[in-house]
Amino acid sequence: MKDFTTILIAVDFSDSSDNAFEMALAMAKKFSSRLLVLHVINEPIDLRGFYVPHISFDKLEEEIEEGAKKMMESFCRRHMDGFENYETLIMPGLPYDEIIKQAAEHKAELIVLGTHGRAGLDHVLFGSTAEKVVRKSTIPVLTVRLDDAVKE
């Protein structure tokens, strides 16, 4: 099996990404890899051209970014368990696009993603970030499905 020096794990702070993170962390420990923990802030629809009273979009974006940073810090405190060879990234953008872009920029050799296992109409309406990454990535992608045992 190939050794992976850099592994990118994309997290959305859901149970599904927690499950995938455990797999990525185990692999990072096994291969002594650097772990990139990426959270993508999905770009909101830009409504700046419309009059919406009492909302400052610049302030809203700052608050969303600050909230994401706090969630990332909490996530890392709960999950790293003494592992120190990691870096966190919080980026705005389209999740599948940013995952692929950050993996390339940081020379990751593997992308790990959790899947929600949506099917049918949910899949058609919401699409699948994991599916898009798998189709468009030039490096290997490991998808980890949320086990029923992990659900609460």
Protein backbone atom coordinates (compact mmCIF):
# COMPACT_ATOMS: atom_id res chain seq x y z
CA MET A 1 0.00 0.00 0.00
CA LYS A 2 1.19 3.48 -0.83
CA ASP A 3 2.31 5.70 2.05
CA PHE A 4 0.41 8.95 2.21
CA THR A 5 2.49 11.90 3.43
CA THR A 6 -0.46 14.33 3.34
CA ILE A 7 -4.13 13.44 3.82
CA LEU A 8 -6.94 15.98 3.45
CA ILE A 9 -10.12 15.37 5.44
CA ALA A 10 -13.09 17.62 4.69
CA VAL A 11 -15.42 18.12 7.64
CA ASP A 12 -18.84 19.71 7.99
CA PHE A 13 -19.05 18.94 11.74
CA SER A 14 -21.79 16.34 11.19
CA ASP A 15 -21.80 12.76 12.50
CA SER A 16 -20.85 11.66 9.01
CA SER A 17 -17.71 13.79 8.95
CA ASP A 18 -16.86 12.70 12.53
CA ASN A 19 -16.92 9.09 11.33
CA ALA A 20 -14.76 9.90 8.28
CA PHE A 21 -12.37 11.89 10.47
CA GLU A 22 -11.74 8.87 12.69
CA MET A 23 -10.69 6.92 9.58
CA ALA A 24 -8.47 9.77 8.32
CA LEU A 25 -6.83 10.17 11.73
CA ALA A 26 -6.14 6.43 11.99
CA MET A 27 -4.53 6.52 8.53
CA ALA A 28 -2.50 9.63 9.38
CA LYS A 29 -1.17 7.91 12.50
CA LYS A 30 -0.40 4.68 10.61
CA PHE A 31 1.50 6.46 7.81
CA SER A 32 2.90 9.32 9.94
CA SER A 33 1.06 11.68 7.60
CA ARG A 34 0.30 15.34 7.90
CA LEU A 35 -3.46 15.77 8.25
CA LEU A 36 -5.20 18.74 6.65
CA VAL A 37 -8.59 19.35 8.25
CA LEU A 38 -10.69 21.44 5.85
CA HIS A 39 -14.06 23.05 6.45
CA VAL A 40 -15.67 24.86 3.53
CA ILE A 41 -18.10 27.65 4.25
CA ASN A 42 -20.64 27.24 1.49
CA GLU A 43 -20.97 30.62 -0.17
CA PRO A 44 -24.41 32.06 0.56
CA ILE A 45 -26.52 33.47 -2.20
CA ASP A 46 -25.42 37.04 -2.71
CA LEU A 47 -28.39 39.27 -1.93
CA ARG A 48 -26.45 42.53 -1.74
CA GLY A 49 -28.30 43.92 -4.75
CA PHE A 50 -31.61 43.63 -2.91
CA TYR A 51 -32.85 45.84 -0.12
CA VAL A 52 -33.01 43.73 3.01
CA PRO A 53 -33.33 45.90 6.12
CA HIS A 54 -31.21 45.37 9.24
CA ILE A 55 -28.73 42.98 7.66
CA SER A 56 -25.10 43.74 7.00
CA PHE A 57 -23.77 41.03 4.69
CA ASP A 58 -20.16 41.85 5.51
CA LYS A 59 -20.97 41.43 9.20
CA LEU A 60 -22.89 38.23 8.48
CA GLU A 61 -19.90 36.75 6.58
CA GLU A 62 -17.57 37.70 9.47
CA GLU A 63 -19.89 36.05 12.00
CA ILE A 64 -20.16 32.88 9.89
CA GLU A 65 -16.37 32.68 9.59
CA GLU A 66 -15.90 33.31 13.32
CA GLY A 67 -18.46 30.59 14.11
CA ALA A 68 -16.68 28.16 11.78
CA LYS A 69 -13.34 28.88 13.50
CA LYS A 70 -14.88 28.17 16.92
CA MET A 71 -16.44 24.94 15.66
CA MET A 72 -13.10 23.86 14.16
CA GLU A 73 -11.26 24.56 17.42
CA SER A 74 -13.84 22.56 19.37
CA PHE A 75 -13.73 19.74 16.80
CA CYS A 76 -9.93 19.49 17.03
CA ARG A 77 -9.95 19.56 20.85
CA ARG A 78 -12.45 16.67 20.90
CA HIS A 79 -10.84 14.54 18.19
CA MET A 80 -7.07 15.01 17.97
CA ASP A 81 -6.16 13.10 21.15
CA GLY A 82 -2.47 14.07 21.21
CA PHE A 83 -2.00 14.03 17.43
CA GLU A 84 -0.08 17.18 16.48
CA ASN A 85 0.85 16.82 12.80
CA TYR A 86 -2.19 18.64 11.47
CA GLU A 87 -3.28 21.95 9.99
CA THR A 88 -6.77 23.40 9.84
CA LEU A 89 -8.18 25.27 6.86
CA ILE A 90 -11.42 27.23 6.68
CA MET A 91 -12.26 28.43 3.19
CA PRO A 92 -15.33 29.97 1.56
CA GLY A 93 -16.56 28.51 -1.70
CA LEU A 94 -18.33 25.59 -3.30
CA PRO A 95 -17.44 22.59 -1.14
CA TYR A 96 -16.52 20.09 -3.88
CA ASP A 97 -14.49 22.70 -5.78
CA GLU A 98 -12.64 23.96 -2.71
CA ILE A 99 -11.86 20.42 -1.49
CA ILE A 100 -10.19 19.57 -4.81
CA LYS A 101 -8.42 22.94 -4.97
CA GLN A 102 -7.02 22.72 -1.43
CA ALA A 103 -5.90 19.12 -1.94
CA ALA A 104 -3.92 20.22 -5.02
CA GLU A 105 -2.46 23.33 -3.37
CA HIS A 106 -1.27 21.36 -0.33
CA LYS A 107 -0.10 18.36 -2.39
CA ALA A 108 -2.40 15.93 -0.61
CA GLU A 109 -2.19 12.36 -1.83
CA LEU A 110 -5.58 11.29 -0.46
CA ILE A 111 -8.91 12.99 0.20
CA VAL A 112 -11.20 11.51 2.87
CA LEU A 113 -14.89 12.44 2.97
CA GLY A 114 -17.93 11.35 4.91
CA THR A 115 -21.08 10.57 2.98
CA HIS A 116 -24.62 11.11 4.16
CA GLY A 117 -25.95 8.27 2.03
CA ARG A 118 -28.77 10.30 0.52
CA ALA A 119 -30.77 8.56 -2.16
CA GLY A 120 -33.64 9.25 -4.48
CA LEU A 121 -35.14 12.73 -4.49
CA ASP A 122 -32.84 14.00 -1.70
CA HIS A 123 -29.83 13.10 -3.83
CA VAL A 124 -31.29 14.77 -6.91
CA LEU A 125 -32.25 17.94 -5.03
CA PHE A 126 -29.16 18.34 -2.85
CA GLY A 127 -26.54 16.60 -4.97
CA SER A 128 -23.56 15.01 -3.37
CA THR A 129 -20.34 16.80 -2.56
CA ALA A 130 -18.62 13.43 -2.17
CA GLU A 131 -19.86 12.26 -5.58
CA LYS A 132 -18.60 15.44 -7.27
CA VAL A 133 -15.20 15.15 -5.58
CA VAL A 134 -14.89 11.49 -6.59
CA ARG A 135 -15.76 12.33 -10.21
CA LYS A 136 -13.52 15.38 -10.54
CA SER A 137 -10.51 14.64 -8.31
CA THR A 138 -7.20 13.60 -9.86
CA ILE A 139 -6.06 11.98 -6.59
CA PRO A 140 -7.61 9.05 -4.71
CA VAL A 141 -10.74 9.75 -2.66
CA LEU A 142 -11.86 7.59 0.24
CA THR A 143 -15.54 7.95 1.12
CA VAL A 144 -16.70 6.79 4.52
CA ARG A 145 -20.38 6.13 5.03
CA LEU A 146 -21.97 6.81 8.40
CA ASP A 147 -22.63 3.49 10.16
CA ASP A 148 -26.04 2.93 11.70
CA ALA A 149 -24.23 2.17 14.96
CA VAL A 150 -22.79 5.70 15.05
CA LYS A 151 -26.20 7.40 14.63
CA GLU A 152 -27.95 8.57 17.73
